[in-house]
Amino acid sequence: MRCMCRECGTYMVQAEDNKLGCICPECFSRCRDCLGTDSVMSRDELASLKDDPALAMMFMAARSDDNDEGRN
């Protein structure tokens, strides 16, 4: 996966060295956001999300927006 640099907005590419993540070809800033590092959830935490009404509303709203864009 590739992402946009937080520092300068340039399209970043996967780093080809010992450190996993992306590197900006302009300012050489690095990130690991697209790898999902430091965001691991336990099985129980993940399972509890299915009953979260706020999360369900967020996904329903996003799905509705996607369907509206397809009609235009």
PDB file of N, CA and C in Angstrom:
ATOM      1  N   MET A   1       0.848  -1.177   0.000  1.00  0.00           N
ATOM      2  CA  MET A   1       0.000   0.000   0.000  1.00  0.00           C
ATOM      3  C   MET A   1       0.884   1.228   0.000  1.00  0.00           C
ATOM      4  N   ARG A   2       0.372   2.287  -0.559  1.00  0.00           N
ATOM      5  CA  ARG A   2       1.121   3.538  -0.611  1.00  0.00           C
ATOM      6  C   ARG A   2       0.277   4.655  -0.031  1.00  0.00           C
ATOM      7  N   CYS A   3       0.931   5.685   0.459  1.00  0.00           N
ATOM      8  CA  CYS A   3       0.203   6.761   1.123  1.00  0.00           C
ATOM      9  C   CYS A   3       0.792   8.119   0.767  1.00  0.00           C
ATOM     10  N   MET A   4       0.138   9.149   1.247  1.00  0.00           N
ATOM     11  CA  MET A   4       0.582  10.517   1.017  1.00  0.00           C
ATOM     12  C   MET A   4       1.424  10.972   2.209  1.00  0.00           C
ATOM     13  N   CYS A   5       2.508  11.654   1.956  1.00  0.00           N
ATOM     14  CA  CYS A   5       3.404  12.129   2.999  1.00  0.00           C
ATOM     15  C   CYS A   5       2.695  13.142   3.889  1.00  0.00           C
ATOM     16  N   ARG A   6       2.796  12.952   5.192  1.00  0.00           N
ATOM     17  CA  ARG A   6       2.198  13.894   6.151  1.00  0.00           C
ATOM     18  C   ARG A   6       2.901  15.241   6.132  1.00  0.00           C
ATOM     19  N   GLU A   7       4.172  15.240   5.769  1.00  0.00           N
ATOM     20  CA  GLU A   7       4.970  16.464   5.815  1.00  0.00           C
ATOM     21  C   GLU A   7       4.761  17.348   4.578  1.00  0.00           C
ATOM     22  N   CYS A   8       4.838  16.751   3.390  1.00  0.00           N
ATOM     23  CA  CYS A   8       4.794  17.585   2.176  1.00  0.00           C
ATOM     24  C   CYS A   8       3.703  17.201   1.181  1.00  0.00           C
ATOM     25  N   GLY A   9       2.985  16.089   1.423  1.00  0.00           N
ATOM     26  CA  GLY A   9       1.881  15.707   0.546  1.00  0.00           C
ATOM     27  C   GLY A   9       2.272  14.912  -0.686  1.00  0.00           C
ATOM     28  N   THR A  10       3.544  14.594  -0.836  1.00  0.00           N
ATOM     29  CA  THR A  10       4.011  13.824  -1.989  1.00  0.00           C
ATOM     30  C   THR A  10       3.594  12.364  -1.867  1.00  0.00           C
ATOM     31  N   TYR A  11       3.346  11.730  -2.992  1.00  0.00           N
ATOM     32  CA  TYR A  11       3.005  10.314  -3.032  1.00  0.00           C
ATOM     33  C   TYR A  11       4.213   9.503  -2.574  1.00  0.00           C
ATOM     34  N   MET A  12       4.036   8.702  -1.531  1.00  0.00           N
ATOM     35  CA  MET A  12       5.139   7.933  -0.959  1.00  0.00           C
ATOM     36  C   MET A  12       5.194   6.543  -1.577  1.00  0.00           C
ATOM     37  N   VAL A  13       6.363   5.933  -1.522  1.00  0.00           N
ATOM     38  CA  VAL A  13       6.548   4.582  -2.052  1.00  0.00           C
ATOM     39  C   VAL A  13       7.068   3.678  -0.956  1.00  0.00           C
ATOM     40  N   GLN A  14       6.876   2.378  -1.129  1.00  0.00           N
ATOM     41  CA  GLN A  14       7.348   1.413  -0.151  1.00  0.00           C
ATOM     42  C   GLN A  14       8.862   1.491  -0.050  1.00  0.00           C
ATOM     43  N   ALA A  15       9.382   1.543   1.178  1.00  0.00           N
ATOM     44  CA  ALA A  15      10.824   1.599   1.410  1.00  0.00           C
ATOM     45  C   ALA A  15      11.444   0.253   1.049  1.00  0.00           C
ATOM     46  N   GLU A  16      12.563   0.287   0.385  1.00  0.00           N
ATOM     47  CA  GLU A  16      13.247  -0.939  -0.003  1.00  0.00           C
ATOM     48  C   GLU A  16      14.529  -1.076   0.809  1.00  0.00           C
ATOM     49  N   ASP A  17      14.367  -1.164   2.124  1.00  0.00           N
ATOM     50  CA  ASP A  17      15.514  -1.343   3.011  1.00  0.00           C
ATOM     51  C   ASP A  17      15.087  -2.150   4.221  1.00  0.00           C
ATOM     52  N   ASN A  18      15.839  -2.101   5.291  1.00  0.00           N
ATOM     53  CA  ASN A  18      15.553  -2.916   6.473  1.00  0.00           C
ATOM     54  C   ASN A  18      14.315  -2.482   7.242  1.00  0.00           C
ATOM     55  N   LYS A  19      13.890  -1.235   7.105  1.00  0.00           N
ATOM     56  CA  LYS A  19      12.736  -0.717   7.846  1.00  0.00           C
ATOM     57  C   LYS A  19      11.481  -0.819   6.995  1.00  0.00           C
ATOM     58  N   LEU A  20      10.454  -1.475   7.524  1.00  0.00           N
ATOM     59  CA  LEU A  20       9.191  -1.577   6.809  1.00  0.00           C
ATOM     60  C   LEU A  20       8.477  -0.240   6.812  1.00  0.00           C
ATOM     61  N   GLY A  21       7.726   0.050   5.781  1.00  0.00           N
ATOM     62  CA  GLY A  21       6.935   1.263   5.708  1.00  0.00           C
ATOM     63  C   GLY A  21       7.146   1.979   4.397  1.00  0.00           C
ATOM     64  N   CYS A  22       6.749   3.238   4.377  1.00  0.00           N
ATOM     65  CA  CYS A  22       6.882   4.069   3.186  1.00  0.00           C
ATOM     66  C   CYS A  22       7.918   5.161   3.424  1.00  0.00           C
ATOM     67  N   ILE A  23       8.471   5.668   2.326  1.00  0.00           N
ATOM     68  CA  ILE A  23       9.419   6.767   2.405  1.00  0.00           C
ATOM     69  C   ILE A  23       9.064   7.785   1.323  1.00  0.00           C
ATOM     70  N   CYS A  24       9.127   9.054   1.688  1.00  0.00           N
ATOM     71  CA  CYS A  24       8.810  10.126   0.745  1.00  0.00           C
ATOM     72  C   CYS A  24      10.031  10.411  -0.129  1.00  0.00           C
ATOM     73  N   PRO A  25       9.867  10.405  -1.448  1.00  0.00           N
ATOM     74  CA  PRO A  25      11.002  10.681  -2.328  1.00  0.00           C
ATOM     75  C   PRO A  25      11.432  12.151  -2.322  1.00  0.00           C
ATOM     76  N   GLU A  26      10.576  13.036  -1.795  1.00  0.00           N
ATOM     77  CA  GLU A  26      10.902  14.468  -1.755  1.00  0.00           C
ATOM     78  C   GLU A  26      11.608  14.874  -0.465  1.00  0.00           C
ATOM     79  N   CYS A  27      10.982  14.584   0.688  1.00  0.00           N
ATOM     80  CA  CYS A  27      11.534  15.050   1.966  1.00  0.00           C
ATOM     81  C   CYS A  27      12.115  13.916   2.810  1.00  0.00           C
ATOM     82  N   PHE A  28      12.021  12.682   2.313  1.00  0.00           N
ATOM     83  CA  PHE A  28      12.565  11.491   2.968  1.00  0.00           C
ATOM     84  C   PHE A  28      11.923  11.169   4.318  1.00  0.00           C
ATOM     85  N   SER A  29      10.744  11.715   4.560  1.00  0.00           N
ATOM     86  CA  SER A  29       9.977  11.374   5.750  1.00  0.00           C
ATOM     87  C   SER A  29       9.515   9.929   5.619  1.00  0.00           C
ATOM     88  N   ARG A  30       9.358   9.256   6.752  1.00  0.00           N
ATOM     89  CA  ARG A  30       8.921   7.859   6.735  1.00  0.00           C
ATOM     90  C   ARG A  30       7.612   7.715   7.507  1.00  0.00           C
ATOM     91  N   CYS A  31       6.835   6.706   7.154  1.00  0.00           N
ATOM     92  CA  CYS A  31       5.652   6.369   7.935  1.00  0.00           C
ATOM     93  C   CYS A  31       5.408   4.877   7.844  1.00  0.00           C
ATOM     94  N   ARG A  32       4.606   4.384   8.794  1.00  0.00           N
ATOM     95  CA  ARG A  32       4.204   2.983   8.800  1.00  0.00           C
ATOM     96  C   ARG A  32       2.695   2.896   8.966  1.00  0.00           C
ATOM     97  N   ASP A  33       2.001   3.981   8.671  1.00  0.00           N
ATOM     98  CA  ASP A  33       0.553   4.030   8.853  1.00  0.00           C
ATOM     99  C   ASP A  33      -0.167   2.952   8.057  1.00  0.00           C
ATOM    100  N   CYS A  34       0.216   2.768   6.824  1.00  0.00           N
ATOM    101  CA  CYS A  34      -0.500   1.828   5.970  1.00  0.00           C
ATOM    102  C   CYS A  34      -0.260   0.375   6.378  1.00  0.00           C
ATOM    103  N   LEU A  35       0.716   0.146   7.221  1.00  0.00           N
ATOM    104  CA  LEU A  35       0.970  -1.212   7.692  1.00  0.00           C
ATOM    105  C   LEU A  35       0.088  -1.578   8.871  1.00  0.00           C
ATOM    106  N   GLY A  36      -0.549  -0.581   9.464  1.00  0.00           N
ATOM    107  CA  GLY A  36      -1.416  -0.835  10.602  1.00  0.00           C
ATOM    108  C   GLY A  36      -0.640  -1.149  11.865  1.00  0.00           C
ATOM    109  N   THR A  37       0.605  -0.733  11.931  1.00  0.00           N
ATOM    110  CA  THR A  37       1.408  -1.023  13.115  1.00  0.00           C
ATOM    111  C   THR A  37       0.862  -0.291  14.323  1.00  0.00           C
ATOM    112  N   ASP A  38       1.049  -0.865  15.460  1.00  0.00           N
ATOM    113  CA  ASP A  38       0.587  -0.319  16.730  1.00  0.00           C
ATOM    114  C   ASP A  38      -0.932  -0.206  16.802  1.00  0.00           C
ATOM    115  N   SER A  39      -1.639  -0.988  16.010  1.00  0.00           N
ATOM    116  CA  SER A  39      -3.095  -0.928  16.037  1.00  0.00           C
ATOM    117  C   SER A  39      -3.722  -2.312  16.134  1.00  0.00           C
ATOM    118  N   VAL A  40      -2.990  -3.260  16.647  1.00  0.00           N
ATOM    119  CA  VAL A  40      -3.493  -4.622  16.744  1.00  0.00           C
ATOM    120  C   VAL A  40      -4.548  -4.691  17.840  1.00  0.00           C
ATOM    121  N   MET A  41      -5.665  -5.336  17.518  1.00  0.00           N
ATOM    122  CA  MET A  41      -6.761  -5.502  18.474  1.00  0.00           C
ATOM    123  C   MET A  41      -6.857  -6.978  18.834  1.00  0.00           C
ATOM    124  N   SER A  42      -7.261  -7.226  20.068  1.00  0.00           N
ATOM    125  CA  SER A  42      -7.473  -8.612  20.479  1.00  0.00           C
ATOM    126  C   SER A  42      -8.743  -9.137  19.802  1.00  0.00           C
ATOM    127  N   ARG A  43      -8.906 -10.437  19.810  1.00  0.00           N
ATOM    128  CA  ARG A  43     -10.095 -11.062  19.226  1.00  0.00           C
ATOM    129  C   ARG A  43     -11.365 -10.564  19.915  1.00  0.00           C
ATOM    130  N   ASP A  44     -11.303 -10.427  21.244  1.00  0.00           N
ATOM    131  CA  ASP A  44     -12.464  -9.959  22.005  1.00  0.00           C
ATOM    132  C   ASP A  44     -12.804  -8.503  21.673  1.00  0.00           C
ATOM    133  N   GLU A  45     -11.784  -7.659  21.536  1.00  0.00           N
ATOM    134  CA  GLU A  45     -12.028  -6.251  21.178  1.00  0.00           C
ATOM    135  C   GLU A  45     -12.662  -6.151  19.798  1.00  0.00           C
ATOM    136  N   LEU A  46     -12.163  -6.923  18.867  1.00  0.00           N
ATOM    137  CA  LEU A  46     -12.712  -6.923  17.516  1.00  0.00           C
ATOM    138  C   LEU A  46     -14.154  -7.425  17.508  1.00  0.00           C
ATOM    139  N   ALA A  47     -14.428  -8.486  18.240  1.00  0.00           N
ATOM    140  CA  ALA A  47     -15.782  -9.044  18.309  1.00  0.00           C
ATOM    141  C   ALA A  47     -16.764  -8.054  18.933  1.00  0.00           C
ATOM    142  N   SER A  48     -16.296  -7.257  19.892  1.00  0.00           N
ATOM    143  CA  SER A  48     -17.192  -6.296  20.548  1.00  0.00           C
ATOM    144  C   SER A  48     -17.625  -5.176  19.603  1.00  0.00           C
ATOM    145  N   LEU A  49     -16.882  -4.935  18.537  1.00  0.00           N
ATOM    146  CA  LEU A  49     -17.237  -3.871  17.597  1.00  0.00           C
ATOM    147  C   LEU A  49     -18.526  -4.172  16.835  1.00  0.00           C
ATOM    148  N   LYS A  50     -18.860  -5.442  16.673  1.00  0.00           N
ATOM    149  CA  LYS A  50     -20.061  -5.779  15.889  1.00  0.00           C
ATOM    150  C   LYS A  50     -21.345  -5.299  16.545  1.00  0.00           C
ATOM    151  N   ASP A  51     -21.303  -5.065  17.851  1.00  0.00           N
ATOM    152  CA  ASP A  51     -22.492  -4.600  18.560  1.00  0.00           C
ATOM    153  C   ASP A  51     -22.447  -3.107  18.887  1.00  0.00           C
ATOM    154  N   ASP A  52     -21.494  -2.388  18.329  1.00  0.00           N
ATOM    155  CA  ASP A  52     -21.342  -0.959  18.603  1.00  0.00           C
ATOM    156  C   ASP A  52     -22.269  -0.164  17.674  1.00  0.00           C
ATOM    157  N   PRO A  53     -23.324   0.474  18.210  1.00  0.00           N
ATOM    158  CA  PRO A  53     -24.270   1.199  17.353  1.00  0.00           C
ATOM    159  C   PRO A  53     -23.635   2.392  16.644  1.00  0.00           C
ATOM    160  N   ALA A  54     -22.677   3.050  17.269  1.00  0.00           N
ATOM    161  CA  ALA A  54     -22.024   4.200  16.628  1.00  0.00           C
ATOM    162  C   ALA A  54     -21.234   3.749  15.406  1.00  0.00           C
ATOM    163  N   LEU A  55     -20.564   2.627  15.515  1.00  0.00           N
ATOM    164  CA  LEU A  55     -19.804   2.091  14.397  1.00  0.00           C
ATOM    165  C   LEU A  55     -20.737   1.665  13.269  1.00  0.00           C
ATOM    166  N   ALA A  56     -21.858   1.049  13.617  1.00  0.00           N
ATOM    167  CA  ALA A  56     -22.840   0.635  12.608  1.00  0.00           C
ATOM    168  C   ALA A  56     -23.378   1.847  11.849  1.00  0.00           C
ATOM    169  N   MET A  57     -23.659   2.931  12.562  1.00  0.00           N
ATOM    170  CA  MET A  57     -24.160   4.147  11.909  1.00  0.00           C
ATOM    171  C   MET A  57     -23.107   4.740  10.973  1.00  0.00           C
ATOM    172  N   MET A  58     -21.843   4.703  11.395  1.00  0.00           N
ATOM    173  CA  MET A  58     -20.774   5.236  10.564  1.00  0.00           C
ATOM    174  C   MET A  58     -20.669   4.450   9.250  1.00  0.00           C
ATOM    175  N   PHE A  59     -20.742   3.120   9.330  1.00  0.00           N
ATOM    176  CA  PHE A  59     -20.660   2.308   8.123  1.00  0.00           C
ATOM    177  C   PHE A  59     -21.893   2.468   7.244  1.00  0.00           C
ATOM    178  N   MET A  60     -23.049   2.593   7.849  1.00  0.00           N
ATOM    179  CA  MET A  60     -24.277   2.795   7.069  1.00  0.00           C
ATOM    180  C   MET A  60     -24.217   4.130   6.326  1.00  0.00           C
ATOM    181  N   ALA A  61     -23.709   5.160   6.983  1.00  0.00           N
ATOM    182  CA  ALA A  61     -23.588   6.472   6.341  1.00  0.00           C
ATOM    183  C   ALA A  61     -22.595   6.404   5.185  1.00  0.00           C
ATOM    184  N   ALA A  62     -21.480   5.723   5.382  1.00  0.00           N
ATOM    185  CA  ALA A  62     -20.472   5.593   4.329  1.00  0.00           C
ATOM    186  C   ALA A  62     -21.037   4.805   3.149  1.00  0.00           C
ATOM    187  N   ARG A  63     -21.778   3.765   3.443  1.00  0.00           N
ATOM    188  CA  ARG A  63     -22.371   2.959   2.374  1.00  0.00           C
ATOM    189  C   ARG A  63     -23.399   3.775   1.594  1.00  0.00           C
ATOM    190  N   SER A  64     -24.173   4.569   2.303  1.00  0.00           N
ATOM    191  CA  SER A  64     -25.166   5.430   1.662  1.00  0.00           C
ATOM    192  C   SER A  64     -24.478   6.438   0.738  1.00  0.00           C
ATOM    193  N   ASP A  65     -23.371   7.013   1.192  1.00  0.00           N
ATOM    194  CA  ASP A  65     -22.609   7.960   0.367  1.00  0.00           C
ATOM    195  C   ASP A  65     -22.068   7.297  -0.878  1.00  0.00           C
ATOM    196  N   ASP A  66     -21.577   6.057  -0.739  1.00  0.00           N
ATOM    197  CA  ASP A  66     -21.057   5.318  -1.894  1.00  0.00           C
ATOM    198  C   ASP A  66     -22.172   5.062  -2.904  1.00  0.00           C
ATOM    199  N   ASN A  67     -23.360   4.695  -2.423  1.00  0.00           N
ATOM    200  CA  ASN A  67     -24.487   4.428  -3.327  1.00  0.00           C
ATOM    201  C   ASN A  67     -24.939   5.697  -4.013  1.00  0.00           C
ATOM    202  N   ASP A  68     -24.931   6.823  -3.320  1.00  0.00           N
ATOM    203  CA  ASP A  68     -25.332   8.094  -3.924  1.00  0.00           C
ATOM    204  C   ASP A  68     -24.373   8.516  -5.017  1.00  0.00           C
ATOM    205  N   GLU A  69     -23.072   8.269  -4.837  1.00  0.00           N
ATOM    206  CA  GLU A  69     -22.079   8.636  -5.842  1.00  0.00           C
ATOM    207  C   GLU A  69     -22.255   7.792  -7.088  1.00  0.00           C
ATOM    208  N   GLY A  70     -22.649   6.543  -6.929  1.00  0.00           N
ATOM    209  CA  GLY A  70     -22.837   5.658  -8.075  1.00  0.00           C
ATOM    210  C   GLY A  70     -24.027   6.057  -8.942  1.00  0.00           C
ATOM    211  N   ARG A  71     -24.963   6.796  -8.391  1.00  0.00           N
ATOM    212  CA  ARG A  71     -26.159   7.213  -9.130  1.00  0.00           C
ATOM    213  C   ARG A  71     -25.926   8.472  -9.947  1.00  0.00           C
ATOM    214  N   ASN A  72     -24.902   9.221  -9.613  1.00  0.00           N
ATOM    215  CA  ASN A  72     -24.667  10.501 -10.317  1.00  0.00           C
ATOM    216  C   ASN A  72     -23.849  10.309 -11.545  1.00  0.00           C
TER     217      ASN A  72
END
